[in-house]
Amino acid sequence: MHNQYGSYGSSYQQQYGGAQSPTIKNPSTGQLPKVKGPDFNDRDRLNDMLSTEKYLTDGFNVFVRETSHQDLFRDVLHILTQTHHAARDLFNLMFEKGWYTLQAEQPSHIGKQHQKFSGYQTQFAHQSQFPNVDSY
């Protein structure tokens, strides 16, 4: 896979020199105490809500996949979509407040995974149905 810099992730490697993955995080809002007490704070509440939304989407995914009645399928699919949007909104809010941290992946690992899964395309019976990932 190539980007505007030639090979996959070369700009990232130049910027970070292949060292440990940098943390992707917004600065904390300062609303939380330095030492966590036993009380539920706003971060705890949002984290609990996000965990619940993730749990619900997992269940609704199974429900939708195994529903035979078309009207029920459509209704639950709509609920599933709303649940995904709610989870995304909670994630965005937590990330905005600096309460959700991500680790950037090493470009070499991304490239290896891309090669690994690109090789799986040859195992599909109808390869012409799947667009080449590198063409995007």
N, C-alpha and C. Protein backbone atom coordinates (compact mmCIF):
# COMPACT_ATOMS: atom_id res chain seq x y z
N MET A 1 0.86 -1.17 0.00
CA MET A 1 0.00 0.00 0.00
C MET A 1 0.90 1.23 0.00
N HIS A 2 0.53 2.19 -0.78
CA HIS A 2 1.35 3.39 -0.89
C HIS A 2 0.54 4.61 -0.50
N ASN A 3 1.25 5.61 0.01
CA ASN A 3 0.60 6.88 0.32
C ASN A 3 1.33 7.97 -0.45
N GLN A 4 1.06 9.20 -0.15
CA GLN A 4 1.66 10.31 -0.89
C GLN A 4 3.17 10.40 -0.70
N TYR A 5 3.72 9.68 0.24
CA TYR A 5 5.16 9.73 0.50
C TYR A 5 5.91 8.58 -0.14
N GLY A 6 5.24 7.75 -0.92
CA GLY A 6 5.91 6.64 -1.58
C GLY A 6 5.53 5.32 -0.94
N SER A 7 6.30 4.86 0.02
CA SER A 7 5.99 3.59 0.65
C SER A 7 5.13 3.80 1.88
N TYR A 8 4.50 2.77 2.30
CA TYR A 8 3.54 2.82 3.41
C TYR A 8 4.21 3.31 4.68
N GLY A 9 3.75 4.44 5.19
CA GLY A 9 4.18 4.91 6.50
C GLY A 9 5.55 5.55 6.56
N SER A 10 6.15 5.85 5.44
CA SER A 10 7.52 6.40 5.50
C SER A 10 7.55 7.76 6.19
N SER A 11 6.53 8.57 6.01
CA SER A 11 6.48 9.86 6.70
C SER A 11 6.40 9.66 8.20
N TYR A 12 5.60 8.70 8.61
CA TYR A 12 5.45 8.40 10.04
C TYR A 12 6.77 7.93 10.61
N GLN A 13 7.47 7.05 9.89
CA GLN A 13 8.74 6.53 10.37
C GLN A 13 9.77 7.64 10.47
N GLN A 14 9.76 8.56 9.51
CA GLN A 14 10.69 9.67 9.57
C GLN A 14 10.39 10.54 10.78
N GLN A 15 9.12 10.74 11.06
CA GLN A 15 8.73 11.61 12.16
C GLN A 15 9.05 10.98 13.51
N TYR A 16 8.84 9.67 13.62
CA TYR A 16 9.00 9.02 14.91
C TYR A 16 10.19 8.08 14.98
N GLY A 17 10.87 7.88 13.87
CA GLY A 17 12.09 7.10 13.87
C GLY A 17 11.93 5.66 14.31
N GLY A 18 10.74 5.11 14.22
CA GLY A 18 10.52 3.72 14.57
C GLY A 18 10.62 3.44 16.05
N ALA A 19 10.63 4.46 16.89
CA ALA A 19 10.70 4.26 18.34
C ALA A 19 9.34 3.77 18.83
N GLN A 20 9.15 3.80 20.13
CA GLN A 20 7.88 3.38 20.69
C GLN A 20 6.74 4.16 20.09
N SER A 21 5.59 3.52 20.02
CA SER A 21 4.41 4.17 19.46
C SER A 21 4.02 5.37 20.30
N PRO A 22 3.80 6.52 19.65
CA PRO A 22 3.37 7.69 20.40
C PRO A 22 1.93 7.54 20.88
N THR A 23 1.63 8.23 21.94
CA THR A 23 0.28 8.24 22.48
C THR A 23 -0.53 9.30 21.76
N ILE A 24 -1.73 8.95 21.38
CA ILE A 24 -2.64 9.89 20.73
C ILE A 24 -3.70 10.24 21.76
N LYS A 25 -3.67 11.48 22.22
CA LYS A 25 -4.55 11.89 23.31
C LYS A 25 -4.67 13.40 23.32
N ASN A 26 -5.85 13.88 23.64
CA ASN A 26 -6.04 15.30 23.88
C ASN A 26 -5.63 15.60 25.31
N PRO A 27 -5.25 16.83 25.59
CA PRO A 27 -4.93 17.16 26.98
C PRO A 27 -6.15 17.01 27.87
N SER A 28 -5.95 16.56 29.07
CA SER A 28 -7.04 16.38 30.02
C SER A 28 -7.64 17.73 30.38
N THR A 29 -8.92 17.74 30.65
CA THR A 29 -9.62 18.98 30.95
C THR A 29 -9.33 19.50 32.35
N GLY A 30 -8.69 18.68 33.19
CA GLY A 30 -8.40 19.10 34.55
C GLY A 30 -9.58 18.99 35.48
N GLN A 31 -10.67 18.38 35.03
CA GLN A 31 -11.88 18.26 35.84
C GLN A 31 -11.80 17.10 36.83
N LEU A 32 -10.84 16.21 36.64
CA LEU A 32 -10.74 15.04 37.50
C LEU A 32 -9.65 15.25 38.55
N PRO A 33 -9.84 14.67 39.73
CA PRO A 33 -8.80 14.78 40.76
C PRO A 33 -7.57 13.96 40.36
N LYS A 34 -6.40 14.33 40.86
CA LYS A 34 -5.16 13.62 40.56
C LYS A 34 -5.19 12.19 41.11
N VAL A 35 -5.80 12.03 42.28
CA VAL A 35 -5.90 10.72 42.90
C VAL A 35 -7.36 10.27 42.82
N LYS A 36 -7.57 9.06 42.27
CA LYS A 36 -8.94 8.54 42.10
C LYS A 36 -9.46 8.02 43.42
N GLY A 37 -10.61 8.54 43.81
CA GLY A 37 -11.29 8.08 45.02
C GLY A 37 -12.32 7.02 44.68
N PRO A 38 -13.08 6.58 45.67
CA PRO A 38 -14.08 5.53 45.43
C PRO A 38 -15.35 6.03 44.74
N ASP A 39 -15.54 7.35 44.68
CA ASP A 39 -16.76 7.90 44.09
C ASP A 39 -16.70 7.85 42.57
N PHE A 40 -17.89 7.68 41.96
CA PHE A 40 -18.02 7.71 40.51
C PHE A 40 -17.90 9.16 40.04
N ASN A 41 -16.97 9.44 39.13
CA ASN A 41 -16.85 10.78 38.57
C ASN A 41 -17.36 10.77 37.12
N ASP A 42 -17.27 11.91 36.45
CA ASP A 42 -17.78 12.00 35.08
C ASP A 42 -17.09 11.02 34.14
N ARG A 43 -15.79 10.87 34.28
CA ARG A 43 -15.06 9.93 33.43
C ARG A 43 -15.57 8.50 33.66
N ASP A 44 -15.77 8.12 34.89
CA ASP A 44 -16.27 6.79 35.22
C ASP A 44 -17.65 6.57 34.59
N ARG A 45 -18.50 7.57 34.69
CA ARG A 45 -19.84 7.46 34.12
C ARG A 45 -19.79 7.29 32.60
N LEU A 46 -18.99 8.13 31.94
CA LEU A 46 -18.87 8.01 30.49
C LEU A 46 -18.26 6.68 30.08
N ASN A 47 -17.27 6.23 30.83
CA ASN A 47 -16.65 4.95 30.53
C ASN A 47 -17.65 3.81 30.70
N ASP A 48 -18.47 3.88 31.73
CA ASP A 48 -19.51 2.87 31.95
C ASP A 48 -20.54 2.90 30.82
N MET A 49 -20.92 4.10 30.40
CA MET A 49 -21.88 4.23 29.31
C MET A 49 -21.31 3.67 28.00
N LEU A 50 -20.03 3.97 27.73
CA LEU A 50 -19.40 3.47 26.51
C LEU A 50 -19.31 1.94 26.54
N SER A 51 -18.94 1.38 27.68
CA SER A 51 -18.89 -0.08 27.81
C SER A 51 -20.26 -0.71 27.58
N THR A 52 -21.30 -0.07 28.09
CA THR A 52 -22.67 -0.56 27.90
C THR A 52 -23.05 -0.51 26.43
N GLU A 53 -22.74 0.59 25.76
CA GLU A 53 -23.06 0.71 24.33
C GLU A 53 -22.32 -0.35 23.52
N LYS A 54 -21.07 -0.62 23.86
CA LYS A 54 -20.32 -1.67 23.16
C LYS A 54 -20.97 -3.02 23.37
N TYR A 55 -21.38 -3.30 24.59
CA TYR A 55 -22.05 -4.56 24.90
C TYR A 55 -23.36 -4.69 24.11
N LEU A 56 -24.13 -3.59 24.07
CA LEU A 56 -25.40 -3.60 23.33
C LEU A 56 -25.18 -3.83 21.84
N THR A 57 -24.18 -3.17 21.26
CA THR A 57 -23.94 -3.36 19.82
C THR A 57 -23.56 -4.80 19.52
N ASP A 58 -22.79 -5.43 20.40
CA ASP A 58 -22.44 -6.84 20.19
C ASP A 58 -23.69 -7.70 20.16
N GLY A 59 -24.58 -7.49 21.12
CA GLY A 59 -25.82 -8.27 21.17
C GLY A 59 -26.74 -7.99 19.99
N PHE A 60 -26.90 -6.72 19.64
CA PHE A 60 -27.76 -6.37 18.51
C PHE A 60 -27.19 -6.90 17.19
N ASN A 61 -25.87 -6.95 17.06
CA ASN A 61 -25.27 -7.52 15.84
C ASN A 61 -25.71 -8.97 15.66
N VAL A 62 -25.65 -9.74 16.74
CA VAL A 62 -26.07 -11.14 16.67
C VAL A 62 -27.57 -11.21 16.37
N PHE A 63 -28.34 -10.39 17.05
CA PHE A 63 -29.80 -10.36 16.86
C PHE A 63 -30.14 -10.10 15.39
N VAL A 64 -29.55 -9.07 14.81
CA VAL A 64 -29.84 -8.70 13.42
C VAL A 64 -29.42 -9.82 12.47
N ARG A 65 -28.29 -10.39 12.71
CA ARG A 65 -27.76 -11.44 11.83
C ARG A 65 -28.67 -12.67 11.83
N GLU A 66 -29.33 -12.94 12.95
CA GLU A 66 -30.10 -14.17 13.07
C GLU A 66 -31.61 -13.96 13.03
N THR A 67 -32.07 -12.75 12.71
CA THR A 67 -33.50 -12.47 12.65
C THR A 67 -34.06 -12.86 11.29
N SER A 68 -35.13 -13.65 11.30
CA SER A 68 -35.71 -14.10 10.03
C SER A 68 -36.87 -13.21 9.56
N HIS A 69 -37.56 -12.54 10.46
CA HIS A 69 -38.70 -11.70 10.10
C HIS A 69 -38.18 -10.35 9.59
N GLN A 70 -38.57 -9.99 8.39
CA GLN A 70 -38.03 -8.80 7.72
C GLN A 70 -38.29 -7.50 8.49
N ASP A 71 -39.50 -7.31 9.00
CA ASP A 71 -39.82 -6.08 9.73
C ASP A 71 -39.03 -5.98 11.04
N LEU A 72 -38.90 -7.11 11.73
CA LEU A 72 -38.11 -7.13 12.96
C LEU A 72 -36.64 -6.86 12.65
N PHE A 73 -36.15 -7.46 11.57
CA PHE A 73 -34.78 -7.22 11.12
C PHE A 73 -34.54 -5.72 10.91
N ARG A 74 -35.44 -5.08 10.19
CA ARG A 74 -35.30 -3.65 9.87
C ARG A 74 -35.32 -2.80 11.14
N ASP A 75 -36.23 -3.11 12.06
CA ASP A 75 -36.34 -2.34 13.30
C ASP A 75 -35.10 -2.48 14.18
N VAL A 76 -34.63 -3.71 14.33
CA VAL A 76 -33.46 -3.94 15.18
C VAL A 76 -32.20 -3.39 14.50
N LEU A 77 -32.13 -3.46 13.18
CA LEU A 77 -31.01 -2.86 12.47
C LEU A 77 -30.96 -1.36 12.72
N HIS A 78 -32.12 -0.73 12.74
CA HIS A 78 -32.19 0.71 13.03
C HIS A 78 -31.70 0.99 14.46
N ILE A 79 -32.13 0.16 15.40
CA ILE A 79 -31.67 0.31 16.79
C ILE A 79 -30.16 0.09 16.88
N LEU A 80 -29.66 -0.91 16.15
CA LEU A 80 -28.22 -1.18 16.13
C LEU A 80 -27.44 0.03 15.61
N THR A 81 -27.93 0.63 14.55
CA THR A 81 -27.28 1.82 14.00
C THR A 81 -27.27 2.96 15.01
N GLN A 82 -28.40 3.18 15.68
CA GLN A 82 -28.46 4.22 16.70
C GLN A 82 -27.49 3.93 17.85
N THR A 83 -27.36 2.67 18.21
CA THR A 83 -26.47 2.27 19.29
C THR A 83 -25.01 2.52 18.89
N HIS A 84 -24.68 2.20 17.65
CA HIS A 84 -23.31 2.49 17.16
C HIS A 84 -23.03 4.00 17.20
N HIS A 85 -24.01 4.79 16.79
CA HIS A 85 -23.83 6.25 16.82
C HIS A 85 -23.67 6.76 18.26
N ALA A 86 -24.44 6.21 19.18
CA ALA A 86 -24.31 6.61 20.59
C ALA A 86 -22.93 6.26 21.12
N ALA A 87 -22.43 5.07 20.79
CA ALA A 87 -21.09 4.67 21.23
C ALA A 87 -20.04 5.61 20.64
N ARG A 88 -20.19 5.96 19.39
CA ARG A 88 -19.22 6.86 18.75
C ARG A 88 -19.26 8.25 19.39
N ASP A 89 -20.45 8.73 19.70
CA ASP A 89 -20.58 10.03 20.36
C ASP A 89 -19.90 10.02 21.73
N LEU A 90 -20.07 8.93 22.48
CA LEU A 90 -19.41 8.82 23.79
C LEU A 90 -17.90 8.76 23.64
N PHE A 91 -17.43 7.98 22.67
CA PHE A 91 -15.99 7.93 22.41
C PHE A 91 -15.45 9.32 22.08
N ASN A 92 -16.12 10.02 21.18
CA ASN A 92 -15.68 11.36 20.78
C ASN A 92 -15.62 12.30 21.98
N LEU A 93 -16.62 12.25 22.84
CA LEU A 93 -16.66 13.10 24.02
C LEU A 93 -15.50 12.77 24.96
N MET A 94 -15.28 11.48 25.19
CA MET A 94 -14.17 11.08 26.07
C MET A 94 -12.83 11.48 25.48
N PHE A 95 -12.67 11.30 24.17
CA PHE A 95 -11.42 11.66 23.51
C PHE A 95 -11.20 13.17 23.57
N GLU A 96 -12.27 13.92 23.35
CA GLU A 96 -12.20 15.39 23.40
C GLU A 96 -11.75 15.88 24.77
N LYS A 97 -12.20 15.20 25.82
CA LYS A 97 -11.85 15.60 27.18
C LYS A 97 -10.50 15.05 27.62
N GLY A 98 -9.86 14.25 26.76
CA GLY A 98 -8.57 13.67 27.12
C GLY A 98 -8.70 12.45 27.99
N TRP A 99 -9.85 11.83 28.01
CA TRP A 99 -10.10 10.66 28.86
C TRP A 99 -10.03 9.35 28.11
N TYR A 100 -9.69 9.38 26.83
CA TYR A 100 -9.55 8.17 26.03
C TYR A 100 -8.24 8.29 25.28
N THR A 101 -7.35 7.35 25.51
CA THR A 101 -6.02 7.39 24.93
C THR A 101 -5.87 6.26 23.91
N LEU A 102 -5.23 6.56 22.80
CA LEU A 102 -4.93 5.57 21.77
C LEU A 102 -3.42 5.46 21.61
N GLN A 103 -2.97 4.30 21.20
CA GLN A 103 -1.55 4.12 20.88
C GLN A 103 -1.44 4.00 19.37
N ALA A 104 -0.59 4.81 18.77
CA ALA A 104 -0.35 4.72 17.33
C ALA A 104 0.42 3.43 17.06
N GLU A 105 0.06 2.76 15.98
CA GLU A 105 0.73 1.51 15.63
C GLU A 105 1.99 1.80 14.82
N GLN A 106 2.98 0.96 14.98
CA GLN A 106 4.21 1.08 14.22
C GLN A 106 3.92 0.83 12.74
N PRO A 107 4.43 1.67 11.84
CA PRO A 107 4.18 1.48 10.41
C PRO A 107 4.64 0.11 9.90
N SER A 108 5.72 -0.42 10.44
CA SER A 108 6.20 -1.73 10.00
C SER A 108 5.17 -2.81 10.33
N HIS A 109 4.51 -2.70 11.49
CA HIS A 109 3.49 -3.68 11.86
C HIS A 109 2.27 -3.55 10.96
N ILE A 110 1.89 -2.33 10.63
CA ILE A 110 0.75 -2.12 9.73
C ILE A 110 1.06 -2.73 8.37
N GLY A 111 2.26 -2.49 7.87
CA GLY A 111 2.67 -3.05 6.57
C GLY A 111 2.65 -4.57 6.58
N LYS A 112 3.13 -5.18 7.66
CA LYS A 112 3.13 -6.64 7.76
C LYS A 112 1.71 -7.19 7.76
N GLN A 113 0.82 -6.55 8.52
CA GLN A 113 -0.57 -7.00 8.57
C GLN A 113 -1.25 -6.83 7.21
N HIS A 114 -0.93 -5.73 6.53
CA HIS A 114 -1.50 -5.51 5.20
C HIS A 114 -1.08 -6.62 4.26
N GLN A 115 0.21 -6.97 4.28
CA GLN A 115 0.71 -8.06 3.42
C GLN A 115 0.03 -9.38 3.77
N LYS A 116 -0.09 -9.64 5.05
CA LYS A 116 -0.70 -10.89 5.52
C LYS A 116 -2.12 -11.03 5.00
N PHE A 117 -2.94 -9.99 5.17
CA PHE A 117 -4.33 -10.07 4.79
C PHE A 117 -4.53 -9.92 3.28
N SER A 118 -3.61 -9.26 2.60
CA SER A 118 -3.69 -9.18 1.15
C SER A 118 -3.49 -10.57 0.55
N GLY A 119 -2.64 -11.37 1.19
CA GLY A 119 -2.41 -12.75 0.74
C GLY A 119 -3.65 -13.62 0.85
N TYR A 120 -4.55 -13.28 1.75
CA TYR A 120 -5.77 -14.07 1.92
C TYR A 120 -6.70 -13.94 0.73
N GLN A 121 -6.57 -12.88 -0.07
CA GLN A 121 -7.46 -12.69 -1.21
C GLN A 121 -7.38 -13.86 -2.18
N THR A 122 -6.23 -14.49 -2.27
CA THR A 122 -6.07 -15.61 -3.20
C THR A 122 -6.89 -16.81 -2.78
N GLN A 123 -7.35 -16.85 -1.54
CA GLN A 123 -8.13 -17.97 -1.04
C GLN A 123 -9.62 -17.85 -1.34
N PHE A 124 -10.07 -16.68 -1.80
CA PHE A 124 -11.48 -16.48 -2.10
C PHE A 124 -11.83 -17.15 -3.42
N ALA A 125 -12.99 -17.78 -3.47
CA ALA A 125 -13.42 -18.48 -4.68
C ALA A 125 -13.63 -17.53 -5.86
N HIS A 126 -14.23 -16.39 -5.60
CA HIS A 126 -14.54 -15.43 -6.65
C HIS A 126 -13.72 -14.17 -6.42
N GLN A 127 -12.47 -14.19 -6.80
CA GLN A 127 -11.58 -13.07 -6.53
C GLN A 127 -12.00 -11.80 -7.25
N SER A 128 -12.66 -11.92 -8.38
CA SER A 128 -13.05 -10.73 -9.13
C SER A 128 -14.10 -9.90 -8.41
N GLN A 129 -14.79 -10.48 -7.41
CA GLN A 129 -15.80 -9.74 -6.67
C GLN A 129 -15.19 -8.78 -5.66
N PHE A 130 -13.93 -8.97 -5.32
CA PHE A 130 -13.29 -8.16 -4.29
C PHE A 130 -12.29 -7.22 -4.94
N PRO A 131 -12.47 -5.91 -4.75
CA PRO A 131 -11.53 -4.94 -5.35
C PRO A 131 -10.16 -5.08 -4.70
N ASN A 132 -9.16 -4.74 -5.46
CA ASN A 132 -7.79 -4.75 -4.97
C ASN A 132 -7.63 -3.63 -3.96
N VAL A 133 -7.17 -3.95 -2.77
CA VAL A 133 -7.02 -2.96 -1.69
C VAL A 133 -6.06 -1.85 -2.12
N ASP A 134 -5.03 -2.21 -2.88
CA ASP A 134 -4.03 -1.21 -3.29
C ASP A 134 -4.55 -0.22 -4.31
N SER A 135 -5.72 -0.48 -4.89
CA SER A 135 -6.24 0.43 -5.91
C SER A 135 -6.90 1.65 -5.31
N TYR A 136 -7.07 1.69 -4.00
CA TYR A 136 -7.73 2.84 -3.37
C TYR A 136 -6.76 3.92 -3.04
